Amino acid sequence: MVIKLISCEVFTREVCRCVAASPNVIDLEFTPKDAHNKPDSLRELLQERIDAASSSARGYDAIALCLGVCGTSTVGLKSRGIPVVMPRAHDCCTLYLGSKERFKEHFGDRPSTGFSAVGYIEHGNGMDLVREADDVRRQMGMDASYADLVEKYGEENAAYIWETLSKTNERLASDPIVFIDMPGVDGTTHVKACQAAAESQGKPFERLTGDLSFIRALVSGEWNKEDFLVITEGEEIGGVYDLDEVVTAVTATPD
């Protein structure tokens, strides 16, 4: 197969390693790490690249996305006649760990836990070491003020939501920072930086061993239904937001 692979740049090392061993012909393109902070803009960028690949004389057999839902950035993406495939993953953490099962094992009851890896740090601004809980708070609207909640939901509902968010924020403050060691990548310096960050915030520090299985299957074209979603002409990516299906194919909305 000839595959167009569009990946977040945090996976540069892992993707290049897997592409080198893939039986397929793969053309690589990367998106900026921080693009997911503005989901609407990233979705627009991804659709533009999907459209360009679909009309390319290269004759791609498929377009693969090495991305997760990433704050709804991939929700709403449409196929333009060429199959579009993406992992059933909420964000890069699942791809670093190698499976949904490992994500559920380590993050299922704490999905907002801060984590990092060499690629995440290498493509940061030097200070952006960890995918912090604050990133998730913003994406979920958990940084809203009480006045904002009252205006949107009314006094009684706002009081309940505020209490719930306060308890959640308290738990997030005590969650650990997790560093994911990827195979074949020396993360010694990066581990020390993340551990220091955890200590400065008074948080526990954990290390996990990463796995290339998800990325390797993506570039090899081994797209089983349990781990990957494939959409075709007339379909777009829809969000499910659970820990198993994550995304689904829905009828494409008019442009």
C-alpha atoms as a PDB file:
ATOM      1  CA  MET A   1       0.000   0.000   0.000  1.00  0.00           C
ATOM      2  CA  VAL A   2       0.908   3.627  -0.449  1.00  0.00           C
ATOM      3  CA  ILE A   3      -0.135   5.502   2.681  1.00  0.00           C
ATOM      4  CA  LYS A   4      -0.190   9.172   3.585  1.00  0.00           C
ATOM      5  CA  LEU A   5       0.615   9.366   7.291  1.00  0.00           C
ATOM      6  CA  ILE A   6      -0.256  12.554   9.166  1.00  0.00           C
ATOM      7  CA  SER A   7       1.162  12.527  12.676  1.00  0.00           C
ATOM      8  CA  CYS A   8       1.563  14.837  15.625  1.00  0.00           C
ATOM      9  CA  GLU A   9       5.241  15.772  15.827  1.00  0.00           C
ATOM     10  CA  VAL A  10       5.547  14.337  19.366  1.00  0.00           C
ATOM     11  CA  PHE A  11       5.759  10.904  17.699  1.00  0.00           C
ATOM     12  CA  THR A  12       8.566  11.814  15.289  1.00  0.00           C
ATOM     13  CA  ARG A  13      11.081   9.308  16.660  1.00  0.00           C
ATOM     14  CA  GLU A  14       8.550   6.495  17.110  1.00  0.00           C
ATOM     15  CA  VAL A  15       6.860   6.995  13.742  1.00  0.00           C
ATOM     16  CA  CYS A  16      10.150   7.150  11.824  1.00  0.00           C
ATOM     17  CA  ARG A  17      11.335   3.954  13.488  1.00  0.00           C
ATOM     18  CA  CYS A  18       8.125   2.118  12.601  1.00  0.00           C
ATOM     19  CA  VAL A  19       7.967   3.521   9.068  1.00  0.00           C
ATOM     20  CA  ALA A  20      11.501   2.270   8.402  1.00  0.00           C
ATOM     21  CA  ALA A  21      10.350  -1.263   9.196  1.00  0.00           C
ATOM     22  CA  SER A  22       6.949  -1.058   7.473  1.00  0.00           C
ATOM     23  CA  PRO A  23       6.228  -3.079   4.318  1.00  0.00           C
ATOM     24  CA  ASN A  24       4.242  -0.129   2.963  1.00  0.00           C
ATOM     25  CA  VAL A  25       5.313   2.981   1.098  1.00  0.00           C
ATOM     26  CA  ILE A  26       4.602   5.844   3.488  1.00  0.00           C
ATOM     27  CA  ASP A  27       4.725   9.602   2.936  1.00  0.00           C
ATOM     28  CA  LEU A  28       5.090  11.444   6.239  1.00  0.00           C
ATOM     29  CA  GLU A  29       3.698  14.770   7.343  1.00  0.00           C
ATOM     30  CA  PHE A  30       3.701  16.213  10.865  1.00  0.00           C
ATOM     31  CA  THR A  31       1.438  18.655  12.681  1.00  0.00           C
ATOM     32  CA  PRO A  32       2.650  20.966  15.477  1.00  0.00           C
ATOM     33  CA  LYS A  33       2.428  19.601  19.008  1.00  0.00           C
ATOM     34  CA  ASP A  34       0.517  22.550  20.428  1.00  0.00           C
ATOM     35  CA  ALA A  35      -2.058  22.604  17.619  1.00  0.00           C
ATOM     36  CA  HIS A  36      -4.425  20.474  19.730  1.00  0.00           C
ATOM     37  CA  ASN A  37      -4.836  23.425  22.107  1.00  0.00           C
ATOM     38  CA  LYS A  38      -7.137  24.897  19.456  1.00  0.00           C
ATOM     39  CA  PRO A  39      -9.212  21.891  18.287  1.00  0.00           C
ATOM     40  CA  ASP A  40     -11.189  23.801  15.654  1.00  0.00           C
ATOM     41  CA  SER A  41      -8.016  25.095  14.019  1.00  0.00           C
ATOM     42  CA  LEU A  42      -6.323  21.695  14.101  1.00  0.00           C
ATOM     43  CA  ARG A  43      -9.435  20.048  12.628  1.00  0.00           C
ATOM     44  CA  GLU A  44      -9.383  22.558   9.777  1.00  0.00           C
ATOM     45  CA  LEU A  45      -5.682  21.916   9.186  1.00  0.00           C
ATOM     46  CA  LEU A  46      -6.141  18.143   9.185  1.00  0.00           C
ATOM     47  CA  GLN A  47      -9.088  18.314   6.778  1.00  0.00           C
ATOM     48  CA  GLU A  48      -7.040  20.470   4.405  1.00  0.00           C
ATOM     49  CA  ARG A  49      -4.269  17.859   4.425  1.00  0.00           C
ATOM     50  CA  ILE A  50      -6.721  15.000   3.969  1.00  0.00           C
ATOM     51  CA  ASP A  51      -8.276  16.823   1.019  1.00  0.00           C
ATOM     52  CA  ALA A  52      -4.871  17.489  -0.523  1.00  0.00           C
ATOM     53  CA  ALA A  53      -3.789  13.868  -0.151  1.00  0.00           C
ATOM     54  CA  SER A  54      -7.099  12.639  -1.580  1.00  0.00           C
ATOM     55  CA  SER A  55      -6.641  14.669  -4.765  1.00  0.00           C
ATOM     56  CA  SER A  56      -2.927  13.951  -5.092  1.00  0.00           C
ATOM     57  CA  ALA A  57      -1.578  12.208  -8.181  1.00  0.00           C
ATOM     58  CA  ARG A  58       0.372  10.010  -5.775  1.00  0.00           C
ATOM     59  CA  GLY A  59      -2.640   7.678  -5.678  1.00  0.00           C
ATOM     60  CA  TYR A  60      -2.755   6.927  -1.969  1.00  0.00           C
ATOM     61  CA  ASP A  61      -4.525   3.769  -0.827  1.00  0.00           C
ATOM     62  CA  ALA A  62      -5.267   5.261   2.596  1.00  0.00           C
ATOM     63  CA  ILE A  63      -4.662   8.251   4.827  1.00  0.00           C
ATOM     64  CA  ALA A  64      -3.539   7.340   8.349  1.00  0.00           C
ATOM     65  CA  LEU A  65      -3.705   9.686  11.330  1.00  0.00           C
ATOM     66  CA  CYS A  66      -1.222   9.158  14.155  1.00  0.00           C
ATOM     67  CA  LEU A  67      -3.413  11.219  16.451  1.00  0.00           C
ATOM     68  CA  GLY A  68      -6.113  10.628  19.021  1.00  0.00           C
ATOM     69  CA  VAL A  69      -9.329  12.556  19.541  1.00  0.00           C
ATOM     70  CA  CYS A  70      -7.094  15.323  20.934  1.00  0.00           C
ATOM     71  CA  GLY A  71      -9.744  17.571  22.439  1.00  0.00           C
ATOM     72  CA  THR A  72     -12.227  16.843  19.565  1.00  0.00           C
ATOM     73  CA  SER A  73      -9.640  17.901  16.943  1.00  0.00           C
ATOM     74  CA  THR A  74     -10.284  14.795  14.823  1.00  0.00           C
ATOM     75  CA  VAL A  75     -14.051  14.647  15.412  1.00  0.00           C
ATOM     76  CA  GLY A  76     -15.825  15.749  12.228  1.00  0.00           C
ATOM     77  CA  LEU A  77     -13.017  14.882   9.811  1.00  0.00           C
ATOM     78  CA  LYS A  78     -14.375  13.558   6.513  1.00  0.00           C
ATOM     79  CA  SER A  79     -13.179  11.020   3.982  1.00  0.00           C
ATOM     80  CA  ARG A  80     -12.872  12.359   0.433  1.00  0.00           C
ATOM     81  CA  GLY A  81     -12.996   9.039  -1.343  1.00  0.00           C
ATOM     82  CA  ILE A  82      -9.858   7.549   0.185  1.00  0.00           C
ATOM     83  CA  PRO A  83     -10.172   5.597   3.475  1.00  0.00           C
ATOM     84  CA  VAL A  84      -9.080   7.557   6.535  1.00  0.00           C
ATOM     85  CA  VAL A  85      -7.882   5.530   9.507  1.00  0.00           C
ATOM     86  CA  MET A  86      -7.183   6.617  13.075  1.00  0.00           C
ATOM     87  CA  PRO A  87      -6.457   4.852  16.374  1.00  0.00           C
ATOM     88  CA  ARG A  88      -9.229   4.494  18.921  1.00  0.00           C
ATOM     89  CA  ALA A  89      -7.379   6.757  21.352  1.00  0.00           C
ATOM     90  CA  HIS A  90      -8.246   9.882  23.296  1.00  0.00           C
ATOM     91  CA  ASP A  91      -4.772  11.387  23.097  1.00  0.00           C
ATOM     92  CA  CYS A  92      -1.081  10.585  22.649  1.00  0.00           C
ATOM     93  CA  CYS A  93      -0.872   8.760  25.992  1.00  0.00           C
ATOM     94  CA  THR A  94      -2.655   5.687  24.572  1.00  0.00           C
ATOM     95  CA  LEU A  95      -0.339   5.647  21.565  1.00  0.00           C
ATOM     96  CA  TYR A  96       2.727   5.892  23.781  1.00  0.00           C
ATOM     97  CA  LEU A  97       1.487   2.989  25.928  1.00  0.00           C
ATOM     98  CA  GLY A  98       0.711   0.789  22.929  1.00  0.00           C
ATOM     99  CA  SER A  99      -2.894  -0.209  23.643  1.00  0.00           C
ATOM    100  CA  LYS A 100      -6.251   0.887  25.035  1.00  0.00           C
ATOM    101  CA  GLU A 101      -5.945  -1.839  27.653  1.00  0.00           C
ATOM    102  CA  ARG A 102      -2.765  -0.371  29.100  1.00  0.00           C
ATOM    103  CA  PHE A 103      -4.306   3.090  29.058  1.00  0.00           C
ATOM    104  CA  LYS A 104      -7.290   1.803  31.031  1.00  0.00           C
ATOM    105  CA  GLU A 105      -4.991  -0.009  33.426  1.00  0.00           C
ATOM    106  CA  HIS A 106      -2.884   3.030  34.258  1.00  0.00           C
ATOM    107  CA  PHE A 107      -5.152   5.990  33.489  1.00  0.00           C
ATOM    108  CA  GLY A 108      -8.709   4.628  33.451  1.00  0.00           C
ATOM    109  CA  ASP A 109      -9.621   6.130  36.822  1.00  0.00           C
ATOM    110  CA  ARG A 110      -7.402   9.192  36.400  1.00  0.00           C
ATOM    111  CA  PRO A 111      -7.575  10.223  32.710  1.00  0.00           C
ATOM    112  CA  SER A 112      -6.402  13.758  33.438  1.00  0.00           C
ATOM    113  CA  THR A 113      -3.096  12.708  35.007  1.00  0.00           C
ATOM    114  CA  GLY A 114      -0.113  14.655  33.713  1.00  0.00           C
ATOM    115  CA  PHE A 115       2.262  12.604  31.564  1.00  0.00           C
ATOM    116  CA  SER A 116       5.280  13.083  29.357  1.00  0.00           C
ATOM    117  CA  ALA A 117       7.738  11.344  27.041  1.00  0.00           C
ATOM    118  CA  VAL A 118      10.873  12.318  25.160  1.00  0.00           C
ATOM    119  CA  GLY A 119       8.961  13.390  22.047  1.00  0.00           C
ATOM    120  CA  TYR A 120       6.555  15.505  24.074  1.00  0.00           C
ATOM    121  CA  ILE A 121       9.452  17.415  25.626  1.00  0.00           C
ATOM    122  CA  GLU A 122      11.580  17.679  22.470  1.00  0.00           C
ATOM    123  CA  HIS A 123       8.826  19.484  20.606  1.00  0.00           C
ATOM    124  CA  GLY A 124       7.915  21.819  23.433  1.00  0.00           C
ATOM    125  CA  ASN A 125       9.121  25.320  24.168  1.00  0.00           C
ATOM    126  CA  GLY A 126      11.653  24.230  26.750  1.00  0.00           C
ATOM    127  CA  MET A 127       9.251  24.770  29.647  1.00  0.00           C
ATOM    128  CA  ASP A 128       6.395  22.562  28.465  1.00  0.00           C
ATOM    129  CA  LEU A 129       7.529  19.284  30.031  1.00  0.00           C
ATOM    130  CA  VAL A 130       4.243  17.589  30.862  1.00  0.00           C
ATOM    131  CA  ARG A 131       0.718  17.272  29.465  1.00  0.00           C
ATOM    132  CA  GLU A 132      -0.697  18.944  32.553  1.00  0.00           C
ATOM    133  CA  ALA A 133      -4.147  18.543  34.033  1.00  0.00           C
ATOM    134  CA  ASP A 134      -4.652  22.241  33.213  1.00  0.00           C
ATOM    135  CA  ASP A 135      -4.761  21.315  29.521  1.00  0.00           C
ATOM    136  CA  VAL A 136      -7.641  18.945  30.216  1.00  0.00           C
ATOM    137  CA  ARG A 137      -9.394  21.473  32.437  1.00  0.00           C
ATOM    138  CA  ARG A 138      -9.459  23.981  29.592  1.00  0.00           C
ATOM    139  CA  GLN A 139     -10.696  21.436  27.044  1.00  0.00           C
ATOM    140  CA  MET A 140     -13.508  20.314  29.387  1.00  0.00           C
ATOM    141  CA  GLY A 141     -14.477  23.818  30.482  1.00  0.00           C
ATOM    142  CA  MET A 142     -13.296  23.104  34.026  1.00  0.00           C
ATOM    143  CA  ASP A 143     -11.538  26.470  34.242  1.00  0.00           C
ATOM    144  CA  ALA A 144     -14.808  28.398  34.046  1.00  0.00           C
ATOM    145  CA  SER A 145     -15.606  30.911  36.797  1.00  0.00           C
ATOM    146  CA  TYR A 146     -18.651  30.557  39.036  1.00  0.00           C
ATOM    147  CA  ALA A 147     -20.186  33.606  37.357  1.00  0.00           C
ATOM    148  CA  ASP A 148     -19.743  31.948  33.945  1.00  0.00           C
ATOM    149  CA  LEU A 149     -21.528  28.828  35.188  1.00  0.00           C
ATOM    150  CA  VAL A 150     -24.416  30.837  36.649  1.00  0.00           C
ATOM    151  CA  GLU A 151     -24.850  32.709  33.383  1.00  0.00           C
ATOM    152  CA  LYS A 152     -24.834  29.492  31.374  1.00  0.00           C
ATOM    153  CA  TYR A 153     -26.703  27.060  33.644  1.00  0.00           C
ATOM    154  CA  GLY A 154     -28.569  29.083  36.280  1.00  0.00           C
ATOM    155  CA  GLU A 155     -27.853  29.509  40.017  1.00  0.00           C
ATOM    156  CA  GLU A 156     -28.970  26.088  41.271  1.00  0.00           C
ATOM    157  CA  ASN A 157     -27.214  24.069  38.567  1.00  0.00           C
ATOM    158  CA  ALA A 158     -24.117  26.249  38.806  1.00  0.00           C
ATOM    159  CA  ALA A 159     -23.800  25.541  42.530  1.00  0.00           C
ATOM    160  CA  TYR A 160     -23.892  21.783  41.921  1.00  0.00           C
ATOM    161  CA  ILE A 161     -21.426  21.976  39.005  1.00  0.00           C
ATOM    162  CA  TRP A 162     -19.062  24.200  40.992  1.00  0.00           C
ATOM    163  CA  GLU A 163     -19.020  21.767  43.913  1.00  0.00           C
ATOM    164  CA  THR A 164     -18.342  18.841  41.581  1.00  0.00           C
ATOM    165  CA  LEU A 165     -15.556  20.696  39.756  1.00  0.00           C
ATOM    166  CA  SER A 166     -13.961  21.732  43.037  1.00  0.00           C
ATOM    167  CA  LYS A 167     -13.754  18.131  44.210  1.00  0.00           C
ATOM    168  CA  THR A 168     -12.355  17.067  40.831  1.00  0.00           C
ATOM    169  CA  ASN A 169      -9.746  19.817  40.885  1.00  0.00           C
ATOM    170  CA  GLU A 170      -8.663  18.757  44.382  1.00  0.00           C
ATOM    171  CA  ARG A 171      -8.104  15.201  43.145  1.00  0.00           C
ATOM    172  CA  LEU A 172      -6.235  16.393  40.050  1.00  0.00           C
ATOM    173  CA  ALA A 173      -3.886  18.413  42.240  1.00  0.00           C
ATOM    174  CA  SER A 174      -2.707  15.218  43.961  1.00  0.00           C
ATOM    175  CA  ASP A 175      -2.395  13.050  40.834  1.00  0.00           C
ATOM    176  CA  PRO A 176       1.154  11.978  39.927  1.00  0.00           C
ATOM    177  CA  ILE A 177       3.254  13.020  36.967  1.00  0.00           C
ATOM    178  CA  VAL A 178       4.009  10.030  34.758  1.00  0.00           C
ATOM    179  CA  PHE A 179       6.963   9.663  32.395  1.00  0.00           C
ATOM    180  CA  ILE A 180       6.645   7.081  29.610  1.00  0.00           C
ATOM    181  CA  ASP A 181       9.942   5.517  28.493  1.00  0.00           C
ATOM    182  CA  MET A 182       9.780   4.631  24.789  1.00  0.00           C
ATOM    183  CA  PRO A 183      11.802   1.723  23.324  1.00  0.00           C
ATOM    184  CA  GLY A 184      15.083   2.741  21.746  1.00  0.00           C
ATOM    185  CA  VAL A 185      14.928   6.324  23.029  1.00  0.00           C
ATOM    186  CA  ASP A 186      17.310   7.599  25.716  1.00  0.00           C
ATOM    187  CA  GLY A 187      15.173   9.612  28.099  1.00  0.00           C
ATOM    188  CA  THR A 188      17.662   9.990  30.965  1.00  0.00           C
ATOM    189  CA  THR A 189      17.822  13.793  30.881  1.00  0.00           C
ATOM    190  CA  HIS A 190      14.101  14.155  30.276  1.00  0.00           C
ATOM    191  CA  VAL A 191      13.212  11.859  33.166  1.00  0.00           C
ATOM    192  CA  LYS A 192      15.247  13.993  35.540  1.00  0.00           C
ATOM    193  CA  ALA A 193      13.479  17.134  34.342  1.00  0.00           C
ATOM    194  CA  CYS A 194      10.024  15.603  34.841  1.00  0.00           C
ATOM    195  CA  GLN A 195      10.941  14.233  38.246  1.00  0.00           C
ATOM    196  CA  ALA A 196      12.133  17.681  39.298  1.00  0.00           C
ATOM    197  CA  ALA A 197       8.879  19.175  38.038  1.00  0.00           C
ATOM    198  CA  ALA A 198       6.877  16.673  40.092  1.00  0.00           C
ATOM    199  CA  GLU A 199       8.916  17.431  43.192  1.00  0.00           C
ATOM    200  CA  SER A 200       8.472  21.179  42.732  1.00  0.00           C
ATOM    201  CA  GLN A 201       4.703  20.690  42.586  1.00  0.00           C
ATOM    202  CA  GLY A 202       4.647  18.291  45.516  1.00  0.00           C
ATOM    203  CA  LYS A 203       3.338  15.463  43.334  1.00  0.00           C
ATOM    204  CA  PRO A 204       4.298  11.779  43.151  1.00  0.00           C
ATOM    205  CA  PHE A 205       6.418  10.703  40.168  1.00  0.00           C
ATOM    206  CA  GLU A 206       5.920   7.487  38.207  1.00  0.00           C
ATOM    207  CA  ARG A 207       7.633   5.830  35.235  1.00  0.00           C
ATOM    208  CA  LEU A 208       5.992   3.503  32.748  1.00  0.00           C
ATOM    209  CA  THR A 209       7.460   1.512  29.869  1.00  0.00           C
ATOM    210  CA  GLY A 210       6.038   2.518  26.498  1.00  0.00           C
ATOM    211  CA  ASP A 211       5.161   0.226  23.608  1.00  0.00           C
ATOM    212  CA  LEU A 212       5.273   0.766  19.834  1.00  0.00           C
ATOM    213  CA  SER A 213       2.490  -1.729  19.061  1.00  0.00           C
ATOM    214  CA  PHE A 214      -0.211   0.851  18.253  1.00  0.00           C
ATOM    215  CA  ILE A 215       2.011   2.956  16.006  1.00  0.00           C
ATOM    216  CA  ARG A 216       3.568  -0.101  14.362  1.00  0.00           C
ATOM    217  CA  ALA A 217       0.118  -1.497  13.487  1.00  0.00           C
ATOM    218  CA  LEU A 218      -0.978   1.876  12.131  1.00  0.00           C
ATOM    219  CA  VAL A 219       1.912   2.168   9.665  1.00  0.00           C
ATOM    220  CA  SER A 220       1.796  -1.521   8.755  1.00  0.00           C
ATOM    221  CA  GLY A 221      -1.874  -1.406   7.759  1.00  0.00           C
ATOM    222  CA  GLU A 222      -2.981  -3.861  10.455  1.00  0.00           C
ATOM    223  CA  TRP A 223      -6.208  -2.014  11.229  1.00  0.00           C
ATOM    224  CA  ASN A 224      -8.387  -4.321  13.306  1.00  0.00           C
ATOM    225  CA  LYS A 225     -11.785  -2.906  14.278  1.00  0.00           C
ATOM    226  CA  GLU A 226     -11.069  -3.120  17.997  1.00  0.00           C
ATOM    227  CA  ASP A 227      -8.155  -0.665  17.814  1.00  0.00           C
ATOM    228  CA  PHE A 228      -8.745   1.409  14.688  1.00  0.00           C
ATOM    229  CA  LEU A 229     -11.553   3.312  13.005  1.00  0.00           C
ATOM    230  CA  VAL A 230     -11.653   3.423   9.200  1.00  0.00           C
ATOM    231  CA  ILE A 231     -14.033   5.839   7.491  1.00  0.00           C
ATOM    232  CA  THR A 232     -14.831   5.903   3.785  1.00  0.00           C
ATOM    233  CA  GLU A 233     -16.611   8.168   1.284  1.00  0.00           C
ATOM    234  CA  GLY A 234     -19.729   9.763   2.816  1.00  0.00           C
ATOM    235  CA  GLU A 235     -18.554   9.253   6.403  1.00  0.00           C
ATOM    236  CA  GLU A 236     -16.910  11.380   9.041  1.00  0.00           C
ATOM    237  CA  ILE A 237     -15.371  10.708  12.441  1.00  0.00           C
ATOM    238  CA  GLY A 238     -17.806  10.897  15.334  1.00  0.00           C
ATOM    239  CA  GLY A 239     -16.916  10.997  19.003  1.00  0.00           C
ATOM    240  CA  VAL A 240     -18.007   8.314  21.486  1.00  0.00           C
ATOM    241  CA  TYR A 241     -15.652   9.371  24.316  1.00  0.00           C
ATOM    242  CA  ASP A 242     -15.656   6.096  26.244  1.00  0.00           C
ATOM    243  CA  LEU A 243     -12.567   3.985  26.950  1.00  0.00           C
ATOM    244  CA  ASP A 244     -13.273   1.270  24.378  1.00  0.00           C
ATOM    245  CA  GLU A 245     -14.851   2.485  21.135  1.00  0.00           C
ATOM    246  CA  VAL A 246     -13.721   6.135  21.555  1.00  0.00           C
ATOM    247  CA  VAL A 247     -14.684   7.123  17.983  1.00  0.00           C
ATOM    248  CA  THR A 248     -17.179   5.882  15.421  1.00  0.00           C
ATOM    249  CA  ALA A 249     -18.118   6.419  11.771  1.00  0.00           C
ATOM    250  CA  VAL A 250     -21.152   8.647  11.188  1.00  0.00           C
ATOM    251  CA  THR A 251     -22.812  10.031   8.067  1.00  0.00           C
ATOM    252  CA  ALA A 252     -20.891  13.059   6.864  1.00  0.00           C
ATOM    253  CA  THR A 253     -22.532  16.428   7.360  1.00  0.00           C
ATOM    254  CA  PRO A 254     -22.695  18.807   4.371  1.00  0.00           C
ATOM    255  CA  ASP A 255     -19.663  21.097   3.995  1.00  0.00           C
END
